[in-house]
Amino acid sequence: MSYKPKKKAVALEYGKNPAPLVTAKGEDKLAEAIIAEARKQGVHIAEDPQLVGLLSQLQINEEIPENLYVAVAVILSWVYWLKGMEPGDS
């Protein structure tokens, strides 16, 4: 019997908050629904299993801890670049 890892997804919100917040998280079908809604809303999706594993340990509406700032900043800078935005843009 082979082991199939669970699909996980975590959504973050940043902008009006001092630090990014976890706004949604889930596994398997819920993860697929989160990803589908993100795509529908035009949200860029980064695939980083290690980061998702760490973020999925947080609660909804919880700020990310300082030890994840750099990893999340890399993802956010990628999203800004894809959208042609600069930090501080809405």
PDB file of N, CA and C in Angstrom:
ATOM      1  N   MET A   1       0.847  -1.178   0.000  1.00  0.00           N
ATOM      2  CA  MET A   1       0.000   0.000   0.000  1.00  0.00           C
ATOM      3  C   MET A   1       0.889   1.237   0.000  1.00  0.00           C
ATOM      4  N   SER A   2       0.649   2.135  -0.945  1.00  0.00           N
ATOM      5  CA  SER A   2       1.472   3.343  -1.028  1.00  0.00           C
ATOM      6  C   SER A   2       0.824   4.481  -0.244  1.00  0.00           C
ATOM      7  N   TYR A   3       1.688   5.350   0.241  1.00  0.00           N
ATOM      8  CA  TYR A   3       1.229   6.498   1.021  1.00  0.00           C
ATOM      9  C   TYR A   3       1.063   7.682   0.094  1.00  0.00           C
ATOM     10  N   LYS A   4      -0.105   8.265   0.091  1.00  0.00           N
ATOM     11  CA  LYS A   4      -0.361   9.462  -0.710  1.00  0.00           C
ATOM     12  C   LYS A   4      -0.493  10.633   0.247  1.00  0.00           C
ATOM     13  N   PRO A   5       0.437  11.594   0.169  1.00  0.00           N
ATOM     14  CA  PRO A   5       0.349  12.733   1.091  1.00  0.00           C
ATOM     15  C   PRO A   5      -0.930  13.534   0.838  1.00  0.00           C
ATOM     16  N   LYS A   6      -1.443  14.106   1.908  1.00  0.00           N
ATOM     17  CA  LYS A   6      -2.644  14.926   1.794  1.00  0.00           C
ATOM     18  C   LYS A   6      -2.299  16.249   1.110  1.00  0.00           C
ATOM     19  N   LYS A   7      -3.225  16.702   0.291  1.00  0.00           N
ATOM     20  CA  LYS A   7      -3.078  18.022  -0.324  1.00  0.00           C
ATOM     21  C   LYS A   7      -3.466  19.036   0.737  1.00  0.00           C
ATOM     22  N   LYS A   8      -2.653  20.068   0.898  1.00  0.00           N
ATOM     23  CA  LYS A   8      -2.934  21.115   1.878  1.00  0.00           C
ATOM     24  C   LYS A   8      -2.899  22.478   1.195  1.00  0.00           C
ATOM     25  N   ALA A   9      -3.676  23.399   1.734  1.00  0.00           N
ATOM     26  CA  ALA A   9      -3.667  24.774   1.246  1.00  0.00           C
ATOM     27  C   ALA A   9      -3.834  25.717   2.431  1.00  0.00           C
ATOM     28  N   VAL A  10      -3.153  26.849   2.341  1.00  0.00           N
ATOM     29  CA  VAL A  10      -3.276  27.902   3.349  1.00  0.00           C
ATOM     30  C   VAL A  10      -3.376  29.233   2.596  1.00  0.00           C
ATOM     31  N   ALA A  11      -4.352  30.036   2.970  1.00  0.00           N
ATOM     32  CA  ALA A  11      -4.518  31.362   2.376  1.00  0.00           C
ATOM     33  C   ALA A  11      -4.069  32.412   3.382  1.00  0.00           C
ATOM     34  N   LEU A  12      -3.336  33.394   2.881  1.00  0.00           N
ATOM     35  CA  LEU A  12      -2.864  34.490   3.720  1.00  0.00           C
ATOM     36  C   LEU A  12      -3.435  35.805   3.226  1.00  0.00           C
ATOM     37  N   GLU A  13      -3.655  36.711   4.145  1.00  0.00           N
ATOM     38  CA  GLU A  13      -4.080  38.068   3.813  1.00  0.00           C
ATOM     39  C   GLU A  13      -3.054  39.023   4.397  1.00  0.00           C
ATOM     40  N   TYR A  14      -2.692  40.002   3.593  1.00  0.00           N
ATOM     41  CA  TYR A  14      -1.714  40.990   4.037  1.00  0.00           C
ATOM     42  C   TYR A  14      -2.077  42.310   3.396  1.00  0.00           C
ATOM     43  N   GLY A  15      -1.654  43.366   3.967  1.00  0.00           N
ATOM     44  CA  GLY A  15      -1.928  44.687   3.398  1.00  0.00           C
ATOM     45  C   GLY A  15      -2.345  45.645   4.484  1.00  0.00           C
ATOM     46  N   LYS A  16      -3.502  45.393   5.076  1.00  0.00           N
ATOM     47  CA  LYS A  16      -4.003  46.261   6.138  1.00  0.00           C
ATOM     48  C   LYS A  16      -3.565  45.780   7.506  1.00  0.00           C
ATOM     49  N   ASN A  17      -2.933  44.627   7.548  1.00  0.00           N
ATOM     50  CA  ASN A  17      -2.518  44.023   8.817  1.00  0.00           C
ATOM     51  C   ASN A  17      -1.024  44.265   9.040  1.00  0.00           C
ATOM     52  N   PRO A  18      -0.586  44.337  10.296  1.00  0.00           N
ATOM     53  CA  PRO A  18       0.846  44.499  10.556  1.00  0.00           C
ATOM     54  C   PRO A  18       1.672  43.297  10.095  1.00  0.00           C
ATOM     55  N   ALA A  19       1.064  42.117  10.095  1.00  0.00           N
ATOM     56  CA  ALA A  19       1.715  40.896   9.619  1.00  0.00           C
ATOM     57  C   ALA A  19       0.665  40.073   8.881  1.00  0.00           C
ATOM     58  N   PRO A  20       1.087  39.236   7.935  1.00  0.00           N
ATOM     59  CA  PRO A  20       0.121  38.397   7.232  1.00  0.00           C
ATOM     60  C   PRO A  20      -0.672  37.510   8.196  1.00  0.00           C
ATOM     61  N   LEU A  21      -1.953  37.340   7.883  1.00  0.00           N
ATOM     62  CA  LEU A  21      -2.858  36.499   8.679  1.00  0.00           C
ATOM     63  C   LEU A  21      -3.264  35.272   7.885  1.00  0.00           C
ATOM     64  N   VAL A  22      -3.466  34.171   8.574  1.00  0.00           N
ATOM     65  CA  VAL A  22      -4.039  32.982   7.957  1.00  0.00           C
ATOM     66  C   VAL A  22      -5.543  33.226   7.862  1.00  0.00           C
ATOM     67  N   THR A  23      -6.070  33.190   6.644  1.00  0.00           N
ATOM     68  CA  THR A  23      -7.499  33.461   6.458  1.00  0.00           C
ATOM     69  C   THR A  23      -8.292  32.210   6.074  1.00  0.00           C
ATOM     70  N   ALA A  24      -7.592  31.179   5.617  1.00  0.00           N
ATOM     71  CA  ALA A  24      -8.253  29.909   5.287  1.00  0.00           C
ATOM     72  C   ALA A  24      -7.179  28.826   5.265  1.00  0.00           C
ATOM     73  N   LYS A  25      -7.599  27.625   5.603  1.00  0.00           N
ATOM     74  CA  LYS A  25      -6.680  26.487   5.511  1.00  0.00           C
ATOM     75  C   LYS A  25      -7.501  25.225   5.429  1.00  0.00           C
ATOM     76  N   GLY A  26      -6.918  24.211   4.822  1.00  0.00           N
ATOM     77  CA  GLY A  26      -7.636  22.949   4.729  1.00  0.00           C
ATOM     78  C   GLY A  26      -6.806  21.879   4.063  1.00  0.00           C
ATOM     79  N   GLU A  27      -7.339  20.668   4.099  1.00  0.00           N
ATOM     80  CA  GLU A  27      -6.701  19.508   3.495  1.00  0.00           C
ATOM     81  C   GLU A  27      -7.664  18.861   2.505  1.00  0.00           C
ATOM     82  N   ASP A  28      -7.079  18.152   1.555  1.00  0.00           N
ATOM     83  CA  ASP A  28      -7.806  17.371   0.559  1.00  0.00           C
ATOM     84  C   ASP A  28      -8.867  18.203  -0.172  1.00  0.00           C
ATOM     85  N   LYS A  29     -10.145  17.835  -0.055  1.00  0.00           N
ATOM     86  CA  LYS A  29     -11.195  18.535  -0.818  1.00  0.00           C
ATOM     87  C   LYS A  29     -11.316  20.007  -0.425  1.00  0.00           C
ATOM     88  N   LEU A  30     -11.150  20.315   0.856  1.00  0.00           N
ATOM     89  CA  LEU A  30     -11.191  21.715   1.281  1.00  0.00           C
ATOM     90  C   LEU A  30     -10.007  22.478   0.690  1.00  0.00           C
ATOM     91  N   ALA A  31      -8.839  21.862   0.646  1.00  0.00           N
ATOM     92  CA  ALA A  31      -7.670  22.495   0.030  1.00  0.00           C
ATOM     93  C   ALA A  31      -7.933  22.772  -1.445  1.00  0.00           C
ATOM     94  N   GLU A  32      -8.524  21.806  -2.127  1.00  0.00           N
ATOM     95  CA  GLU A  32      -8.848  21.992  -3.540  1.00  0.00           C
ATOM     96  C   GLU A  32      -9.847  23.133  -3.728  1.00  0.00           C
ATOM     97  N   ALA A  33     -10.812  23.255  -2.819  1.00  0.00           N
ATOM     98  CA  ALA A  33     -11.795  24.339  -2.907  1.00  0.00           C
ATOM     99  C   ALA A  33     -11.134  25.697  -2.660  1.00  0.00           C
ATOM    100  N   ILE A  34     -10.210  25.758  -1.706  1.00  0.00           N
ATOM    101  CA  ILE A  34      -9.488  27.008  -1.428  1.00  0.00           C
ATOM    102  C   ILE A  34      -8.681  27.425  -2.654  1.00  0.00           C
ATOM    103  N   ILE A  35      -7.991  26.469  -3.264  1.00  0.00           N
ATOM    104  CA  ILE A  35      -7.182  26.758  -4.452  1.00  0.00           C
ATOM    105  C   ILE A  35      -8.066  27.177  -5.620  1.00  0.00           C
ATOM    106  N   ALA A  36      -9.189  26.503  -5.811  1.00  0.00           N
ATOM    107  CA  ALA A  36     -10.113  26.847  -6.900  1.00  0.00           C
ATOM    108  C   ALA A  36     -10.658  28.258  -6.716  1.00  0.00           C
ATOM    109  N   GLU A  37     -11.033  28.610  -5.495  1.00  0.00           N
ATOM    110  CA  GLU A  37     -11.554  29.960  -5.237  1.00  0.00           C
ATOM    111  C   GLU A  37     -10.467  31.004  -5.447  1.00  0.00           C
ATOM    112  N   ALA A  38      -9.251  30.695  -5.026  1.00  0.00           N
ATOM    113  CA  ALA A  38      -8.138  31.634  -5.236  1.00  0.00           C
ATOM    114  C   ALA A  38      -7.938  31.890  -6.729  1.00  0.00           C
ATOM    115  N   ARG A  39      -7.937  30.827  -7.511  1.00  0.00           N
ATOM    116  CA  ARG A  39      -7.776  30.987  -8.972  1.00  0.00           C
ATOM    117  C   ARG A  39      -8.921  31.812  -9.554  1.00  0.00           C
ATOM    118  N   LYS A  40     -10.136  31.529  -9.095  1.00  0.00           N
ATOM    119  CA  LYS A  40     -11.326  32.258  -9.570  1.00  0.00           C
ATOM    120  C   LYS A  40     -11.197  33.750  -9.276  1.00  0.00           C
ATOM    121  N   GLN A  41     -10.613  34.082  -8.111  1.00  0.00           N
ATOM    122  CA  GLN A  41     -10.451  35.489  -7.702  1.00  0.00           C
ATOM    123  C   GLN A  41      -9.188  36.128  -8.277  1.00  0.00           C
ATOM    124  N   GLY A  42      -8.405  35.365  -9.045  1.00  0.00           N
ATOM    125  CA  GLY A  42      -7.180  35.897  -9.640  1.00  0.00           C
ATOM    126  C   GLY A  42      -6.014  35.979  -8.664  1.00  0.00           C
ATOM    127  N   VAL A  43      -6.081  35.195  -7.597  1.00  0.00           N
ATOM    128  CA  VAL A  43      -5.019  35.182  -6.594  1.00  0.00           C
ATOM    129  C   VAL A  43      -3.912  34.256  -7.080  1.00  0.00           C
ATOM    130  N   HIS A  44      -2.669  34.728  -6.979  1.00  0.00           N
ATOM    131  CA  HIS A  44      -1.529  33.906  -7.371  1.00  0.00           C
ATOM    132  C   HIS A  44      -1.294  32.827  -6.317  1.00  0.00           C
ATOM    133  N   ILE A  45      -0.919  31.650  -6.786  1.00  0.00           N
ATOM    134  CA  ILE A  45      -0.733  30.500  -5.907  1.00  0.00           C
ATOM    135  C   ILE A  45       0.724  30.052  -5.968  1.00  0.00           C
ATOM    136  N   ALA A  46       1.335  29.965  -4.806  1.00  0.00           N
ATOM    137  CA  ALA A  46       2.696  29.449  -4.704  1.00  0.00           C
ATOM    138  C   ALA A  46       2.630  28.056  -4.106  1.00  0.00           C
ATOM    139  N   GLU A  47       3.437  27.160  -4.619  1.00  0.00           N
ATOM    140  CA  GLU A  47       3.471  25.795  -4.095  1.00  0.00           C
ATOM    141  C   GLU A  47       4.778  25.600  -3.330  1.00  0.00           C
ATOM    142  N   ASP A  48       4.667  25.535  -2.029  1.00  0.00           N
ATOM    143  CA  ASP A  48       5.819  25.317  -1.153  1.00  0.00           C
ATOM    144  C   ASP A  48       5.366  24.404  -0.018  1.00  0.00           C
ATOM    145  N   PRO A  49       5.506  23.091  -0.198  1.00  0.00           N
ATOM    146  CA  PRO A  49       4.992  22.142   0.795  1.00  0.00           C
ATOM    147  C   PRO A  49       5.514  22.363   2.211  1.00  0.00           C
ATOM    148  N   GLN A  50       6.778  22.734   2.344  1.00  0.00           N
ATOM    149  CA  GLN A  50       7.326  22.956   3.686  1.00  0.00           C
ATOM    150  C   GLN A  50       6.674  24.165   4.349  1.00  0.00           C
ATOM    151  N   LEU A  51       6.518  25.250   3.597  1.00  0.00           N
ATOM    152  CA  LEU A  51       5.896  26.452   4.150  1.00  0.00           C
ATOM    153  C   LEU A  51       4.425  26.184   4.481  1.00  0.00           C
ATOM    154  N   VAL A  52       3.720  25.492   3.603  1.00  0.00           N
ATOM    155  CA  VAL A  52       2.319  25.158   3.867  1.00  0.00           C
ATOM    156  C   VAL A  52       2.208  24.302   5.129  1.00  0.00           C
ATOM    157  N   GLY A  53       3.141  23.366   5.298  1.00  0.00           N
ATOM    158  CA  GLY A  53       3.137  22.528   6.495  1.00  0.00           C
ATOM    159  C   GLY A  53       3.263  23.361   7.764  1.00  0.00           C
ATOM    160  N   LEU A  54       4.128  24.365   7.734  1.00  0.00           N
ATOM    161  CA  LEU A  54       4.303  25.228   8.907  1.00  0.00           C
ATOM    162  C   LEU A  54       3.100  26.144   9.110  1.00  0.00           C
ATOM    163  N   LEU A  55       2.621  26.740   8.018  1.00  0.00           N
ATOM    164  CA  LEU A  55       1.488  27.663   8.124  1.00  0.00           C
ATOM    165  C   LEU A  55       0.202  26.944   8.535  1.00  0.00           C
ATOM    166  N   SER A  56       0.061  25.690   8.138  1.00  0.00           N
ATOM    167  CA  SER A  56      -1.171  24.967   8.462  1.00  0.00           C
ATOM    168  C   SER A  56      -1.287  24.650   9.955  1.00  0.00           C
ATOM    169  N   GLN A  57      -0.210  24.839  10.696  1.00  0.00           N
ATOM    170  CA  GLN A  57      -0.256  24.645  12.146  1.00  0.00           C
ATOM    171  C   GLN A  57      -0.866  25.847  12.864  1.00  0.00           C
ATOM    172  N   LEU A  58      -0.998  26.971  12.140  1.00  0.00           N
ATOM    173  CA  LEU A  58      -1.573  28.187  12.731  1.00  0.00           C
ATOM    174  C   LEU A  58      -3.096  28.131  12.674  1.00  0.00           C
ATOM    175  N   GLN A  59      -3.723  28.954  13.486  1.00  0.00           N
ATOM    176  CA  GLN A  59      -5.185  29.044  13.520  1.00  0.00           C
ATOM    177  C   GLN A  59      -5.659  30.123  12.543  1.00  0.00           C
ATOM    178  N   ILE A  60      -6.923  30.041  12.143  1.00  0.00           N
ATOM    179  CA  ILE A  60      -7.530  31.068  11.294  1.00  0.00           C
ATOM    180  C   ILE A  60      -7.473  32.404  12.045  1.00  0.00           C
ATOM    181  N   ASN A  61      -7.150  33.467  11.333  1.00  0.00           N
ATOM    182  CA  ASN A  61      -6.999  34.838  11.839  1.00  0.00           C
ATOM    183  C   ASN A  61      -5.768  35.019  12.729  1.00  0.00           C
ATOM    184  N   GLU A  62      -4.874  34.038  12.749  1.00  0.00           N
ATOM    185  CA  GLU A  62      -3.629  34.170  13.509  1.00  0.00           C
ATOM    186  C   GLU A  62      -2.550  34.763  12.608  1.00  0.00           C
ATOM    187  N   GLU A  63      -1.795  35.730  13.164  1.00  0.00           N
ATOM    188  CA  GLU A  63      -0.671  36.301  12.427  1.00  0.00           C
ATOM    189  C   GLU A  63       0.431  35.261  12.304  1.00  0.00           C
ATOM    190  N   ILE A  64       1.158  35.333  11.179  1.00  0.00           N
ATOM    191  CA  ILE A  64       2.281  34.408  11.045  1.00  0.00           C
ATOM    192  C   ILE A  64       3.355  34.792  12.061  1.00  0.00           C
ATOM    193  N   PRO A  65       4.090  33.826  12.583  1.00  0.00           N
ATOM    194  CA  PRO A  65       5.142  34.131  13.546  1.00  0.00           C
ATOM    195  C   PRO A  65       6.367  34.739  12.854  1.00  0.00           C
ATOM    196  N   GLU A  66       7.159  35.457  13.636  1.00  0.00           N
ATOM    197  CA  GLU A  66       8.339  36.136  13.088  1.00  0.00           C
ATOM    198  C   GLU A  66       9.282  35.193  12.363  1.00  0.00           C
ATOM    199  N   ASN A  67       9.392  33.945  12.827  1.00  0.00           N
ATOM    200  CA  ASN A  67      10.335  33.036  12.181  1.00  0.00           C
ATOM    201  C   ASN A  67       9.910  32.652  10.757  1.00  0.00           C
ATOM    202  N   LEU A  68       8.691  33.000  10.342  1.00  0.00           N
ATOM    203  CA  LEU A  68       8.244  32.733   8.972  1.00  0.00           C
ATOM    204  C   LEU A  68       8.202  33.989   8.112  1.00  0.00           C
ATOM    205  N   TYR A  69       8.571  35.150   8.679  1.00  0.00           N
ATOM    206  CA  TYR A  69       8.523  36.407   7.929  1.00  0.00           C
ATOM    207  C   TYR A  69       9.318  36.331   6.629  1.00  0.00           C
ATOM    208  N   VAL A  70      10.544  35.832   6.678  1.00  0.00           N
ATOM    209  CA  VAL A  70      11.388  35.818   5.484  1.00  0.00           C
ATOM    210  C   VAL A  70      10.780  34.924   4.406  1.00  0.00           C
ATOM    211  N   ALA A  71      10.352  33.735   4.774  1.00  0.00           N
ATOM    212  CA  ALA A  71       9.770  32.815   3.791  1.00  0.00           C
ATOM    213  C   ALA A  71       8.526  33.413   3.150  1.00  0.00           C
ATOM    214  N   VAL A  72       7.669  34.020   3.949  1.00  0.00           N
ATOM    215  CA  VAL A  72       6.444  34.625   3.414  1.00  0.00           C
ATOM    216  C   VAL A  72       6.785  35.879   2.606  1.00  0.00           C
ATOM    217  N   ALA A  73       7.784  36.630   3.021  1.00  0.00           N
ATOM    218  CA  ALA A  73       8.195  37.823   2.267  1.00  0.00           C
ATOM    219  C   ALA A  73       8.675  37.450   0.865  1.00  0.00           C
ATOM    220  N   VAL A  74       9.353  36.332   0.741  1.00  0.00           N
ATOM    221  CA  VAL A  74       9.795  35.871  -0.583  1.00  0.00           C
ATOM    222  C   VAL A  74       8.578  35.602  -1.467  1.00  0.00           C
ATOM    223  N   ILE A  75       7.580  34.936  -0.920  1.00  0.00           N
ATOM    224  CA  ILE A  75       6.354  34.651  -1.680  1.00  0.00           C
ATOM    225  C   ILE A  75       5.644  35.958  -2.047  1.00  0.00           C
ATOM    226  N   LEU A  76       5.513  36.864  -1.075  1.00  0.00           N
ATOM    227  CA  LEU A  76       4.838  38.139  -1.346  1.00  0.00           C
ATOM    228  C   LEU A  76       5.583  38.959  -2.389  1.00  0.00           C
ATOM    229  N   SER A  77       6.907  38.961  -2.357  1.00  0.00           N
ATOM    230  CA  SER A  77       7.667  39.728  -3.348  1.00  0.00           C
ATOM    231  C   SER A  77       7.457  39.138  -4.747  1.00  0.00           C
ATOM    232  N   TRP A  78       7.335  37.804  -4.829  1.00  0.00           N
ATOM    233  CA  TRP A  78       7.052  37.148  -6.102  1.00  0.00           C
ATOM    234  C   TRP A  78       5.677  37.587  -6.624  1.00  0.00           C
ATOM    235  N   VAL A  79       4.682  37.623  -5.717  1.00  0.00           N
ATOM    236  CA  VAL A  79       3.333  38.042  -6.115  1.00  0.00           C
ATOM    237  C   VAL A  79       3.335  39.502  -6.566  1.00  0.00           C
ATOM    238  N   TYR A  80       4.008  40.376  -5.805  1.00  0.00           N
ATOM    239  CA  TYR A  80       4.111  41.790  -6.215  1.00  0.00           C
ATOM    240  C   TYR A  80       4.714  41.895  -7.611  1.00  0.00           C
ATOM    241  N   TRP A  81       5.787  41.138  -7.849  1.00  0.00           N
ATOM    242  CA  TRP A  81       6.462  41.181  -9.141  1.00  0.00           C
ATOM    243  C   TRP A  81       5.525  40.725 -10.250  1.00  0.00           C
ATOM    244  N   LEU A  82       4.796  39.613 -10.029  1.00  0.00           N
ATOM    245  CA  LEU A  82       3.868  39.113 -11.044  1.00  0.00           C
ATOM    246  C   LEU A  82       2.779  40.125 -11.374  1.00  0.00           C
ATOM    247  N   LYS A  83       2.342  40.858 -10.372  1.00  0.00           N
ATOM    248  CA  LYS A  83       1.274  41.844 -10.572  1.00  0.00           C
ATOM    249  C   LYS A  83       1.803  43.208 -10.997  1.00  0.00           C
ATOM    250  N   GLY A  84       3.129  43.360 -11.064  1.00  0.00           N
ATOM    251  CA  GLY A  84       3.703  44.663 -11.416  1.00  0.00           C
ATOM    252  C   GLY A  84       3.523  45.684 -10.307  1.00  0.00           C
ATOM    253  N   MET A  85       3.443  45.209  -9.066  1.00  0.00           N
ATOM    254  CA  MET A  85       3.220  46.084  -7.918  1.00  0.00           C
ATOM    255  C   MET A  85       4.516  46.304  -7.141  1.00  0.00           C
ATOM    256  N   GLU A  86       4.469  47.304  -6.301  1.00  0.00           N
ATOM    257  CA  GLU A  86       5.551  47.556  -5.368  1.00  0.00           C
ATOM    258  C   GLU A  86       4.979  47.516  -3.966  1.00  0.00           C
ATOM    259  N   PRO A  87       5.819  47.172  -2.946  1.00  0.00           N
ATOM    260  CA  PRO A  87       5.310  47.183  -1.578  1.00  0.00           C
ATOM    261  C   PRO A  87       4.656  48.525  -1.248  1.00  0.00           C
ATOM    262  N   GLY A  88       3.518  48.457  -0.596  1.00  0.00           N
ATOM    263  CA  GLY A  88       2.758  49.664  -0.269  1.00  0.00           C
ATOM    264  C   GLY A  88       1.590  49.892  -1.211  1.00  0.00           C
ATOM    265  N   ASP A  89       1.656  49.271  -2.425  1.00  0.00           N
ATOM    266  CA  ASP A  89       0.514  49.372  -3.343  1.00  0.00           C
ATOM    267  C   ASP A  89      -0.650  48.560  -2.778  1.00  0.00           C
ATOM    268  N   SER A  90      -1.855  48.983  -3.091  1.00  0.00           N
ATOM    269  CA  SER A  90      -3.047  48.252  -2.621  1.00  0.00           C
ATOM    270  C   SER A  90      -3.424  47.167  -3.587  1.00  0.00           C
TER     271      SER A  90
END
